[in-house]
């Protein structure tokens, strides 16, 4: 499918928006290390983003900060992984790939959000930067949910990805403990969930 025709003076606003929409369809082809709980195939980034948004709607009442701007959180979660269309998925415990992850993703953000009209490009890029900085209550809660969901998927699949990559309990705790900054309730749940995974032999100690 091709974008709508463009005027002599350049692409119309609608044409730019449709071009972006077509480009981000590629997110459905970016696969993560997390496995789906039923088929055990690898989850793609679009599925991940949808699941995160639903989790936010369900668990928002457990945030440490009351009155969060849920629409802002949902926007962050819908766009935060779009950069992986260009940068690829970086596994959370791949130390070598993590070194230049942010640099690769910045380049991707410039290109992908740059497909949009200028005002939307600025808004989306600001939301992406906010998520990355993890400084606002909304960004902290978005990041907490983004960290919780893969751990839940791992627990639902007997820790297959953890065991394949030699990930241990202490590394999972170290990477994800910032969840407590956004929701002490959720972090308490995570600690017990991980302890159960260790007991079951799904997460090496």
Protein backbone atom coordinates (compact mmCIF):
# COMPACT_ATOMS: atom_id res chain seq x y z
CA UNK A 1 0.00 0.00 0.00
CA UNK A 2 1.31 3.44 -0.92
CA UNK A 3 0.67 6.65 1.01
CA UNK A 4 -1.83 9.17 -0.39
CA UNK A 5 -0.57 11.34 -3.23
CA UNK A 6 1.53 14.34 -2.31
CA UNK A 7 1.09 17.91 -3.51
CA UNK A 8 3.72 19.74 -5.53
CA UNK A 9 4.65 21.75 -2.44
CA UNK A 10 5.26 18.60 -0.44
CA UNK A 11 3.36 15.95 1.46
CA UNK A 12 0.10 17.00 3.06
CA UNK A 13 -0.39 16.64 6.81
CA UNK A 14 -2.62 13.61 6.27
CA UNK A 15 -0.10 12.04 3.90
CA UNK A 16 2.66 12.43 6.50
CA UNK A 17 0.48 10.88 9.19
CA UNK A 18 -0.49 7.93 7.00
CA UNK A 19 3.16 7.40 6.07
CA UNK A 20 4.00 7.18 9.77
CA UNK A 21 1.10 4.78 10.40
CA UNK A 22 2.31 2.52 7.60
CA UNK A 23 5.89 2.61 8.87
CA UNK A 24 5.00 1.71 12.45
CA UNK A 25 3.09 -1.35 11.27
CA UNK A 26 6.58 -2.87 11.18
CA UNK A 27 6.49 -2.98 14.98
CA UNK A 28 4.41 -6.15 14.62
CA UNK A 29 7.49 -7.79 13.07
CA UNK A 30 9.90 -6.95 15.92
CA UNK A 31 10.06 -9.98 18.20
CA UNK A 32 11.10 -9.99 21.84
CA UNK A 33 12.68 -12.68 24.01
CA UNK A 34 9.48 -12.97 26.06
CA UNK A 35 7.25 -15.92 25.21
CA UNK A 36 3.47 -15.90 25.04
CA UNK A 37 1.89 -17.89 27.85
CA UNK A 38 -0.18 -20.17 25.60
CA UNK A 39 1.54 -20.83 22.25
CA UNK A 40 5.03 -20.15 23.66
CA UNK A 41 5.99 -18.24 20.52
CA UNK A 42 7.97 -15.02 20.90
CA UNK A 43 5.93 -11.94 21.67
CA UNK A 44 6.13 -9.05 19.22
CA UNK A 45 6.51 -5.41 20.22
CA UNK A 46 2.97 -4.43 19.20
CA UNK A 47 1.51 -7.14 21.44
CA UNK A 48 3.78 -6.02 24.24
CA UNK A 49 2.63 -2.41 23.91
CA UNK A 50 -1.05 -3.39 23.93
CA UNK A 51 -0.57 -5.54 27.03
CA UNK A 52 1.21 -2.72 28.86
CA UNK A 53 -1.61 -0.28 28.17
CA UNK A 54 -4.21 -2.70 29.47
CA UNK A 55 -2.13 -3.37 32.58
CA UNK A 56 -1.97 0.37 33.27
CA UNK A 57 -5.75 0.67 33.08
CA UNK A 58 -6.16 -2.25 35.48
CA UNK A 59 -3.40 -1.44 37.98
CA UNK A 60 -3.33 2.38 38.05
CA UNK A 61 -5.01 2.38 41.48
CA UNK A 62 -1.82 0.84 42.93
CA UNK A 63 0.44 3.73 41.92
CA UNK A 64 2.25 5.50 44.74
CA UNK A 65 1.23 8.84 43.23
CA UNK A 66 -2.54 9.45 43.08
CA UNK A 67 -4.17 11.23 40.16
CA UNK A 68 -1.75 10.17 37.45
CA UNK A 69 -2.39 11.38 33.89
CA UNK A 70 -3.36 7.99 32.45
CA UNK A 71 -3.66 9.24 28.87
CA UNK A 72 -0.07 10.49 29.04
CA UNK A 73 1.09 7.10 30.35
CA UNK A 74 -0.79 5.26 27.62
CA UNK A 75 0.75 7.50 24.96
CA UNK A 76 4.24 6.80 26.32
CA UNK A 77 3.66 3.07 26.32
CA UNK A 78 2.23 3.02 22.82
CA UNK A 79 5.21 4.82 21.32
CA UNK A 80 8.18 3.91 23.53
CA UNK A 81 9.15 0.78 21.57
CA UNK A 82 8.54 2.22 18.08
CA UNK A 83 12.26 2.99 17.90
CA UNK A 84 12.95 -0.77 17.84
CA UNK A 85 11.76 -0.82 14.22
CA UNK A 86 15.20 0.61 13.39
CA UNK A 87 17.23 -0.16 16.51
CA UNK A 88 15.98 -3.70 17.07
CA UNK A 89 14.97 -5.24 20.38
CA UNK A 90 17.73 -5.24 22.98
CA UNK A 91 17.40 -8.05 25.49
CA UNK A 92 17.32 -6.66 29.01
CA UNK A 93 20.24 -8.80 30.20
CA UNK A 94 22.48 -8.51 27.12
CA UNK A 95 25.26 -6.33 28.56
CA UNK A 96 27.10 -5.94 25.25
CA UNK A 97 24.06 -4.72 23.33
CA UNK A 98 22.99 -2.46 26.17
CA UNK A 99 26.15 -0.35 25.84
CA UNK A 100 24.98 1.52 22.74
CA UNK A 101 21.26 0.88 23.04
CA UNK A 102 20.29 4.47 23.82
CA UNK A 103 22.44 5.89 21.04
CA UNK A 104 20.87 3.54 18.49
CA UNK A 105 17.40 4.36 19.72
CA UNK A 106 17.97 8.13 19.57
CA UNK A 107 18.83 7.86 15.87
CA UNK A 108 15.74 5.74 15.34
CA UNK A 109 13.56 8.23 17.23
CA UNK A 110 14.81 11.07 15.04
CA UNK A 111 13.88 9.21 11.85
CA UNK A 112 10.61 7.61 12.86
CA UNK A 113 9.00 10.50 14.73
CA UNK A 114 10.39 12.79 12.04
CA UNK A 115 7.93 11.21 9.59
CA UNK A 116 5.09 13.01 11.38
CA UNK A 117 4.03 16.64 10.98
CA UNK A 118 6.28 18.87 13.06
CA UNK A 119 3.90 19.39 16.00
CA UNK A 120 3.18 15.68 16.39
CA UNK A 121 6.84 14.82 15.89
CA UNK A 122 7.75 17.13 18.77
CA UNK A 123 5.00 15.72 21.01
CA UNK A 124 5.91 12.09 20.38
CA UNK A 125 9.62 12.73 20.79
CA UNK A 126 9.00 14.58 24.07
CA UNK A 127 6.93 11.65 25.35
CA UNK A 128 9.67 9.20 24.34
CA UNK A 129 12.32 11.32 26.07
CA UNK A 130 10.12 11.56 29.17
CA UNK A 131 9.79 7.78 29.32
CA UNK A 132 13.55 7.35 28.90
CA UNK A 133 14.35 9.89 31.64
CA UNK A 134 11.96 8.24 34.11
CA UNK A 135 11.73 11.45 36.14
CA UNK A 136 7.99 12.20 36.21
CA UNK A 137 5.44 10.13 38.17
CA UNK A 138 3.82 9.14 34.87
CA UNK A 139 7.10 7.98 33.35
CA UNK A 140 8.00 6.06 36.50
CA UNK A 141 4.69 4.20 36.44
CA UNK A 142 4.99 3.52 32.71
CA UNK A 143 8.51 2.15 33.23
CA UNK A 144 7.35 0.04 36.17
CA UNK A 145 4.67 -1.64 34.08
CA UNK A 146 7.16 -2.09 31.23
CA UNK A 147 9.45 -3.99 33.61
CA UNK A 148 6.66 -5.94 35.32
CA UNK A 149 5.12 -7.44 32.18
CA UNK A 150 8.19 -9.37 30.92
CA UNK A 151 8.76 -10.82 34.39
CA UNK A 152 5.14 -11.95 34.50
CA UNK A 153 5.53 -13.54 31.05
CA UNK A 154 8.66 -15.34 32.23
CA UNK A 155 6.86 -16.70 35.27
CA UNK A 156 3.97 -17.89 33.11
CA UNK A 157 6.39 -19.78 30.84
CA UNK A 158 8.45 -21.52 33.53
CA UNK A 159 11.28 -19.01 33.17
CA UNK A 160 12.24 -20.34 29.73
CA UNK A 161 13.88 -17.11 28.54
CA UNK A 162 15.62 -16.57 31.88
CA UNK A 163 17.09 -20.05 31.85
CA UNK A 164 18.09 -19.86 28.18
CA UNK A 165 20.10 -16.70 28.85
CA UNK A 166 21.50 -17.69 32.25
CA UNK A 167 19.68 -14.91 34.09
CA UNK A 168 19.73 -15.17 37.88
CA UNK A 169 17.45 -13.89 40.61
CA UNK A 170 19.86 -11.20 41.80
CA UNK A 171 20.13 -9.73 38.29
CA UNK A 172 16.36 -9.60 37.90
CA UNK A 173 16.02 -7.85 41.26
CA UNK A 174 18.77 -5.35 40.44
CA UNK A 175 17.28 -4.43 37.08
CA UNK A 176 13.71 -4.06 38.24
CA UNK A 177 13.80 -2.76 41.81
CA UNK A 178 12.90 0.76 40.63
CA UNK A 179 9.33 -0.52 40.26
CA UNK A 180 8.97 0.32 43.96
CA UNK A 181 9.42 4.02 43.15
CA UNK A 182 6.15 3.88 41.21
CA UNK A 183 4.21 1.24 43.14
CA UNK A 184 5.22 -0.40 46.39
CA UNK A 185 2.21 -2.71 46.04
CA UNK A 186 3.39 -3.97 42.67
CA UNK A 187 6.99 -4.40 43.86
CA UNK A 188 5.86 -6.44 46.85
CA UNK A 189 3.94 -8.67 44.45
CA UNK A 190 6.98 -8.96 42.16
CA UNK A 191 9.28 -9.97 45.02
CA UNK A 192 6.94 -12.81 45.97
CA UNK A 193 6.45 -13.80 42.33
CA UNK A 194 10.21 -14.05 41.82
CA UNK A 195 10.69 -15.95 45.08
CA UNK A 196 8.09 -18.47 43.88
CA UNK A 197 9.92 -18.75 40.55
CA UNK A 198 13.16 -19.55 42.38
CA UNK A 199 11.41 -22.18 44.51
CA UNK A 200 9.90 -23.75 41.38
CA UNK A 201 13.31 -23.91 39.69
CA UNK A 202 12.30 -21.43 36.97
CA UNK A 203 14.72 -18.69 38.01
CA UNK A 204 18.24 -19.66 39.06
CA UNK A 205 19.34 -18.28 42.41
